[in-house]
N, C-alpha and C. Protein backbone atom coordinates (compact mmCIF):
# COMPACT_ATOMS: atom_id res chain seq x y z
N MET A 1 -3.41 10.29 -17.00
CA MET A 1 -3.64 10.56 -15.63
C MET A 1 -4.33 11.77 -15.99
N VAL A 2 -5.77 12.22 -14.93
CA VAL A 2 -6.42 13.40 -14.43
C VAL A 2 -6.49 13.89 -13.51
N MET A 3 -6.60 14.97 -13.53
CA MET A 3 -5.91 15.59 -11.92
C MET A 3 -7.78 16.12 -11.70
N ILE A 4 -8.33 15.44 -10.17
CA ILE A 4 -9.62 16.23 -9.86
C ILE A 4 -8.67 16.92 -8.59
N ALA A 5 -8.91 18.04 -7.99
CA ALA A 5 -8.40 18.45 -7.03
C ALA A 5 -9.84 19.54 -6.55
N ARG A 6 -9.65 19.45 -4.89
CA ARG A 6 -10.63 20.72 -4.55
C ARG A 6 -10.01 20.86 -3.29
N LYS A 7 -10.20 22.18 -2.63
CA LYS A 7 -9.82 22.85 -1.30
C LYS A 7 -11.11 22.95 -0.78
N PHE A 8 -11.16 22.05 0.20
CA PHE A 8 -12.09 22.31 1.14
C PHE A 8 -11.99 23.28 2.48
N SER A 9 -10.96 23.71 2.81
CA SER A 9 -10.80 24.42 3.34
C SER A 9 -9.52 25.92 3.33
N PRO A 10 -9.69 26.82 3.96
CA PRO A 10 -7.92 27.60 3.99
C PRO A 10 -6.76 26.04 3.84
N GLU A 11 -7.02 25.83 5.06
CA GLU A 11 -6.25 24.20 5.68
C GLU A 11 -5.81 23.26 4.61
N PHE A 12 -7.20 23.04 3.90
CA PHE A 12 -6.82 21.26 3.47
C PHE A 12 -7.27 21.01 2.34
N SER A 13 -6.73 20.43 0.94
CA SER A 13 -7.01 20.22 -0.12
C SER A 13 -7.14 18.94 -0.43
N PHE A 14 -7.01 18.38 -1.27
CA PHE A 14 -7.09 17.18 -1.82
C PHE A 14 -7.42 16.69 -3.04
N GLN A 15 -6.56 15.73 -3.68
CA GLN A 15 -6.77 15.58 -5.30
C GLN A 15 -6.71 13.61 -5.05
N ILE A 16 -7.89 13.31 -6.12
CA ILE A 16 -7.55 12.12 -6.26
C ILE A 16 -7.38 12.01 -7.94
N SER A 17 -6.35 10.90 -8.22
CA SER A 17 -6.56 10.64 -9.91
C SER A 17 -5.87 9.84 -10.78
N PRO A 18 -6.81 9.79 -11.12
CA PRO A 18 -7.45 8.21 -11.84
C PRO A 18 -6.34 8.33 -12.89
N MET A 19 -5.78 7.19 -13.43
CA MET A 19 -4.50 6.64 -14.18
C MET A 19 -4.44 5.47 -14.87
N VAL A 20 -3.77 5.32 -16.05
CA VAL A 20 -3.49 4.38 -16.71
C VAL A 20 -2.02 3.95 -17.08
N SER A 21 -1.50 3.31 -16.75
CA SER A 21 0.03 2.68 -17.09
C SER A 21 0.38 1.95 -18.09
N HIS A 22 0.73 1.87 -19.19
CA HIS A 22 0.85 0.70 -20.03
C HIS A 22 2.27 0.79 -20.81
N TYR A 23 2.42 -0.45 -20.52
CA TYR A 23 3.90 -0.88 -20.61
C TYR A 23 3.80 -1.33 -21.81
N GLN A 24 4.96 -1.68 -23.26
CA GLN A 24 4.98 -2.29 -24.56
C GLN A 24 5.43 -3.90 -24.00
N ARG A 25 6.04 -3.91 -22.73
CA ARG A 25 7.14 -5.53 -22.65
C ARG A 25 5.72 -6.51 -22.39
N VAL A 26 6.09 -7.05 -22.80
CA VAL A 26 5.24 -8.42 -22.52
C VAL A 26 6.03 -9.97 -22.50
N PHE A 27 5.94 -9.99 -21.11
CA PHE A 27 6.40 -11.24 -20.45
C PHE A 27 6.09 -11.79 -19.28
N ASP A 28 6.10 -13.24 -19.12
CA ASP A 28 5.39 -13.73 -18.02
C ASP A 28 5.56 -13.49 -16.93
N GLY A 29 4.50 -13.17 -16.03
CA GLY A 29 4.13 -12.62 -15.07
C GLY A 29 4.03 -11.15 -14.99
N PHE A 30 3.81 -10.28 -15.73
CA PHE A 30 4.36 -8.77 -15.83
C PHE A 30 2.76 -8.23 -16.73
N GLU A 31 1.87 -7.57 -15.82
CA GLU A 31 0.55 -7.09 -16.30
C GLU A 31 1.01 -5.58 -17.19
N PRO A 32 0.41 -5.64 -18.41
CA PRO A 32 1.41 -4.26 -19.67
C PRO A 32 0.03 -2.99 -19.13
N THR A 33 -0.98 -3.79 -18.44
CA THR A 33 -1.46 -2.19 -18.65
C THR A 33 -1.85 -2.24 -17.20
N LEU A 34 -2.14 -0.90 -16.29
CA LEU A 34 -2.22 -1.36 -14.99
C LEU A 34 -3.11 -0.04 -14.53
N PHE A 35 -4.42 0.09 -13.73
CA PHE A 35 -5.02 0.91 -13.36
C PHE A 35 -4.84 1.18 -11.69
N ALA A 36 -4.75 2.67 -11.68
CA ALA A 36 -4.85 3.07 -10.54
C ALA A 36 -5.02 4.24 -10.30
N VAL A 37 -5.43 4.58 -8.58
CA VAL A 37 -5.92 5.87 -8.28
C VAL A 37 -5.21 6.37 -7.51
N GLY A 38 -4.30 7.58 -8.11
CA GLY A 38 -3.64 8.60 -6.86
C GLY A 38 -4.44 9.17 -6.16
N LEU A 39 -4.51 9.10 -4.74
CA LEU A 39 -4.94 10.18 -3.54
C LEU A 39 -3.84 10.98 -3.04
N ALA A 40 -3.63 12.35 -3.08
CA ALA A 40 -3.23 13.07 -2.29
C ALA A 40 -3.53 14.53 -1.44
N GLY A 41 -2.79 14.96 -0.45
CA GLY A 41 -3.86 15.82 0.62
C GLY A 41 -2.06 17.13 0.77
N ARG A 42 -2.92 17.75 1.03
CA ARG A 42 -1.93 18.98 1.19
C ARG A 42 -3.00 19.49 3.03
N TYR A 43 -2.31 19.80 4.01
CA TYR A 43 -2.71 20.24 5.34
C TYR A 43 -1.74 20.96 5.42
N LYS A 44 -2.03 22.98 5.62
CA LYS A 44 -1.14 23.64 6.47
C LYS A 44 -1.59 23.62 7.64
N VAL A 45 -0.58 23.82 8.60
CA VAL A 45 -0.50 23.84 9.31
C VAL A 45 0.08 25.22 10.41
N GLY A 46 0.33 25.97 9.57
CA GLY A 46 0.84 27.11 9.52
C GLY A 46 1.00 28.27 8.79
N ASP A 47 1.02 29.57 8.78
CA ASP A 47 1.21 30.40 7.15
C ASP A 47 2.26 29.84 6.15
N ARG A 48 3.16 29.50 7.15
CA ARG A 48 4.13 28.71 6.07
C ARG A 48 4.92 27.44 5.57
N THR A 49 3.62 26.35 6.47
CA THR A 49 4.49 25.24 6.07
C THR A 49 2.81 24.66 6.23
N ALA A 50 2.98 23.25 5.70
CA ALA A 50 2.28 22.32 5.56
C ALA A 50 2.41 20.75 5.05
N LEU A 51 1.79 20.08 5.61
CA LEU A 51 2.11 18.92 5.71
C LEU A 51 1.19 17.92 4.71
N THR A 52 1.76 16.95 3.73
CA THR A 52 1.23 16.30 2.39
C THR A 52 1.64 14.65 2.56
N PHE A 53 0.50 14.10 1.94
CA PHE A 53 0.69 12.86 1.76
C PHE A 53 0.40 12.48 0.22
N GLU A 54 0.86 11.21 0.23
CA GLU A 54 -0.24 10.86 -1.23
C GLU A 54 0.11 8.98 -1.44
N THR A 55 -0.33 8.74 -1.66
CA THR A 55 -0.40 7.25 -2.26
C THR A 55 -1.45 6.97 -3.38
N ILE A 56 -0.43 5.88 -3.79
CA ILE A 56 -1.32 5.17 -5.34
C ILE A 56 -1.54 4.30 -5.48
N PRO A 57 -2.90 3.82 -4.86
CA PRO A 57 -2.77 2.10 -5.20
C PRO A 57 -3.51 1.56 -6.28
N VAL A 58 -3.06 0.09 -7.01
CA VAL A 58 -3.76 -0.69 -8.01
C VAL A 58 -4.66 -0.79 -8.13
N ILE A 59 -5.74 -0.99 -8.82
CA ILE A 59 -6.96 -1.32 -8.43
C ILE A 59 -7.16 -2.15 -9.69
N ASN A 60 -6.81 -2.69 -10.53
CA ASN A 60 -7.33 -3.79 -11.45
C ASN A 60 -6.33 -4.98 -11.00
N ASN A 61 -5.30 -5.23 -10.63
CA ASN A 61 -4.60 -6.08 -10.62
C ASN A 61 -3.82 -6.78 -8.94
N PRO A 62 -4.48 -7.48 -7.83
CA PRO A 62 -4.40 -7.07 -6.67
C PRO A 62 -2.77 -8.06 -6.39
N GLU A 63 -1.61 -8.56 -7.36
CA GLU A 63 -0.68 -8.73 -7.14
C GLU A 63 0.52 -7.34 -7.08
N TYR A 64 -0.26 -6.17 -7.72
CA TYR A 64 0.70 -5.16 -7.83
C TYR A 64 0.25 -3.99 -6.45
N LEU A 65 -0.87 -4.88 -5.65
CA LEU A 65 -1.33 -3.55 -4.83
C LEU A 65 -0.35 -3.92 -3.70
N LYS A 66 0.58 -2.98 -3.44
CA LYS A 66 1.41 -2.82 -2.85
C LYS A 66 1.60 -1.27 -1.97
N LEU A 67 0.71 -0.66 -2.61
CA LEU A 67 0.48 0.57 -1.29
C LEU A 67 1.67 1.95 -1.44
N PRO A 68 2.18 2.50 -2.30
CA PRO A 68 3.20 3.13 -1.94
C PRO A 68 2.45 4.63 -1.24
N VAL A 69 3.28 4.83 -0.11
CA VAL A 69 3.06 5.73 0.46
C VAL A 69 3.72 6.82 0.70
N ALA A 70 3.94 8.10 0.77
CA ALA A 70 4.93 9.45 1.05
C ALA A 70 4.01 10.19 1.61
N ILE A 71 4.89 10.78 3.11
CA ILE A 71 4.20 11.97 3.87
C ILE A 71 5.42 13.34 3.68
N GLY A 72 5.12 13.95 3.93
CA GLY A 72 6.03 14.93 3.64
C GLY A 72 5.78 16.46 4.60
N ILE A 73 6.35 17.39 4.31
CA ILE A 73 6.23 18.93 4.85
C ILE A 73 7.10 19.57 3.79
N ASP A 74 6.29 20.29 3.80
CA ASP A 74 6.72 22.07 3.25
C ASP A 74 6.64 22.91 4.01
N VAL A 75 7.74 23.71 3.61
CA VAL A 75 8.50 25.12 4.39
C VAL A 75 8.58 26.12 3.33
N GLU A 76 7.77 27.17 3.21
CA GLU A 76 8.09 28.35 2.33
C GLU A 76 8.33 29.52 3.26
N THR A 77 9.46 29.73 2.44
CA THR A 77 11.05 30.96 2.67
C THR A 77 10.49 31.44 2.04
N GLY A 78 9.92 33.12 1.53
CA GLY A 78 10.19 34.38 0.54
C GLY A 78 9.92 33.42 -0.69
N GLY A 79 10.61 33.25 -1.03
CA GLY A 79 10.26 32.61 -2.67
C GLY A 79 10.82 30.92 -3.09
N HIS A 80 11.25 30.94 -2.09
CA HIS A 80 11.55 29.27 -2.02
C HIS A 80 10.14 28.28 -1.42
N VAL A 81 10.50 27.43 -2.11
CA VAL A 81 9.37 26.23 -1.21
C VAL A 81 10.33 24.99 -0.83
N PHE A 82 10.77 24.79 0.45
CA PHE A 82 11.85 23.76 0.92
C PHE A 82 10.54 22.36 1.04
N GLN A 83 10.81 21.00 0.41
CA GLN A 83 9.91 19.81 0.74
C GLN A 83 10.37 18.68 1.19
N MET A 84 10.34 18.40 2.17
CA MET A 84 11.31 17.49 3.09
C MET A 84 9.84 16.20 1.97
N PHE A 85 10.46 14.81 2.08
CA PHE A 85 9.63 13.89 2.41
C PHE A 85 10.09 12.51 2.14
N PHE A 86 9.17 11.83 2.92
CA PHE A 86 10.02 9.66 3.30
C PHE A 86 8.55 9.08 2.38
N THR A 87 9.28 8.44 1.67
CA THR A 87 8.23 7.51 0.88
C THR A 87 9.10 6.25 0.99
N THR A 88 7.80 4.99 0.64
CA THR A 88 8.24 3.67 0.43
C THR A 88 8.64 3.78 -1.21
N SER A 89 8.36 4.11 -1.96
CA SER A 89 8.58 4.13 -3.25
C SER A 89 10.03 4.57 -3.61
N SER A 90 10.11 3.56 -4.73
CA SER A 90 11.72 3.63 -5.27
C SER A 90 11.84 4.66 -6.30
N PHE A 91 11.05 4.53 -6.99
CA PHE A 91 10.62 5.64 -8.18
C PHE A 91 9.62 7.32 -7.89
N HIS A 92 9.99 7.89 -9.13
CA HIS A 92 9.32 9.06 -8.81
C HIS A 92 7.92 9.48 -9.77
N THR A 93 8.18 8.45 -10.52
CA THR A 93 6.68 9.15 -11.76
C THR A 93 6.21 8.00 -11.02
N GLU A 94 4.93 8.52 -11.78
CA GLU A 94 3.84 7.90 -11.83
C GLU A 94 3.94 5.88 -12.16
N ASN A 95 3.81 6.27 -13.58
CA ASN A 95 4.24 4.91 -14.17
C ASN A 95 4.96 3.91 -13.28
N TYR A 96 6.16 4.76 -13.15
CA TYR A 96 7.22 3.47 -12.13
C TYR A 96 6.28 3.37 -10.81
N ILE A 97 6.24 4.21 -10.52
CA ILE A 97 5.72 3.85 -8.81
C ILE A 97 4.52 2.95 -8.74
N VAL A 98 3.41 2.86 -10.06
CA VAL A 98 2.64 1.75 -9.77
C VAL A 98 3.14 0.33 -10.56
N ALA A 99 3.96 0.35 -11.36
CA ALA A 99 4.68 -1.08 -11.98
C ALA A 99 5.12 -1.46 -10.95
N TYR A 100 6.08 -1.02 -9.92
CA TYR A 100 7.59 -1.54 -9.62
C TYR A 100 7.84 -0.82 -8.51
N ASN A 101 6.72 -0.89 -7.33
CA ASN A 101 7.00 -0.65 -5.54
C ASN A 101 7.85 -1.64 -5.10
N PHE A 102 8.73 -2.29 -5.00
CA PHE A 102 8.83 -3.36 -4.15
C PHE A 102 8.96 -3.20 -2.65
N SER A 103 8.52 -2.22 -2.19
CA SER A 103 8.96 -1.90 -0.28
C SER A 103 7.45 -1.38 0.08
N PRO A 104 6.46 -2.18 -0.02
CA PRO A 104 5.00 -1.96 0.21
C PRO A 104 4.98 -1.06 1.53
N PHE A 105 4.12 -0.47 2.04
CA PHE A 105 3.82 0.33 3.38
C PHE A 105 3.64 -0.94 4.54
N PHE A 106 2.48 -1.91 3.83
CA PHE A 106 2.02 -2.77 5.07
C PHE A 106 3.13 -3.60 5.29
N ASP A 107 4.98 -3.87 4.49
CA ASP A 107 5.43 -5.17 5.04
C ASP A 107 5.61 -5.00 6.15
N GLU A 108 6.76 -5.72 6.51
CA GLU A 108 6.96 -6.56 7.78
C GLU A 108 8.37 -5.23 8.04
N LYS A 109 8.75 -4.83 7.19
CA LYS A 109 9.86 -4.23 6.47
C LYS A 109 10.01 -3.17 6.06
N PRO A 110 9.19 -2.21 5.86
CA PRO A 110 9.29 -1.82 5.06
C PRO A 110 10.82 -0.74 4.89
N LEU A 111 10.66 -0.14 3.36
CA LEU A 111 11.80 0.07 3.56
C LEU A 111 11.43 1.58 2.96
N PHE A 112 12.02 2.97 3.67
CA PHE A 112 11.45 4.27 4.14
C PHE A 112 12.94 4.60 2.87
N LYS A 113 12.57 5.50 1.98
CA LYS A 113 13.41 6.68 1.89
C LYS A 113 13.55 8.02 1.25
N ILE A 114 13.64 8.71 1.70
CA ILE A 114 13.92 10.33 1.98
C ILE A 114 14.51 10.79 0.97
N GLY A 115 13.19 11.96 0.66
CA GLY A 115 13.86 13.16 -0.43
C GLY A 115 13.01 14.50 -0.02
N PHE A 116 14.08 14.92 -0.88
CA PHE A 116 14.27 16.80 -0.58
C PHE A 116 14.04 17.41 -1.96
N ASN A 117 13.30 18.34 -2.05
CA ASN A 117 12.97 19.82 -3.21
C ASN A 117 13.44 20.89 -2.36
N VAL A 118 14.06 21.63 -3.84
CA VAL A 118 13.54 23.32 -3.57
C VAL A 118 12.75 23.86 -4.51
N ASN A 119 12.10 24.11 -4.21
CA ASN A 119 11.63 25.31 -5.48
C ASN A 119 11.47 26.82 -5.86
N ARG A 120 11.56 27.29 -6.27
CA ARG A 120 12.15 28.51 -6.51
C ARG A 120 10.85 29.61 -7.91
N VAL A 121 10.10 30.17 -7.21
CA VAL A 121 9.19 31.05 -7.84
C VAL A 121 10.43 32.23 -8.35
N PHE A 122 10.10 32.39 -9.33
CA PHE A 122 10.89 33.63 -10.13
C PHE A 122 9.87 34.62 -10.64
N GLY A 123 9.55 35.99 -10.37
CA GLY A 123 8.66 36.84 -11.48
C GLY A 123 9.35 37.56 -12.34
N LEU A 124 8.68 38.26 -13.55
CA LEU A 124 9.13 38.69 -14.11
C LEU A 124 8.47 39.89 -14.47
């Protein structure tokens, strides 16, 4: 994966990430090599609050084009960053999101998952 990012303004940042996911498994109906493009962005709505989004469409196999989507909010408090997000993906790593997304965003009844992260910056 290659990450290409740009900060367009103090509020808006965007990232595009071309990626290749290859599996050694070979069985009927499974494409072992998938090409995808990750798209992500961040928009600051306040001094310590930002909205984020991410999607990773597969580009070489329409059968896998299930468009996982994630939206979230980041809240900074001192040295902590609290991240809350909603996603249609069952996995957290890109290679599994690309190959095993069983709940597409544009499905009749997409299944949303709720996630929560806490990050802490330590200075020495």
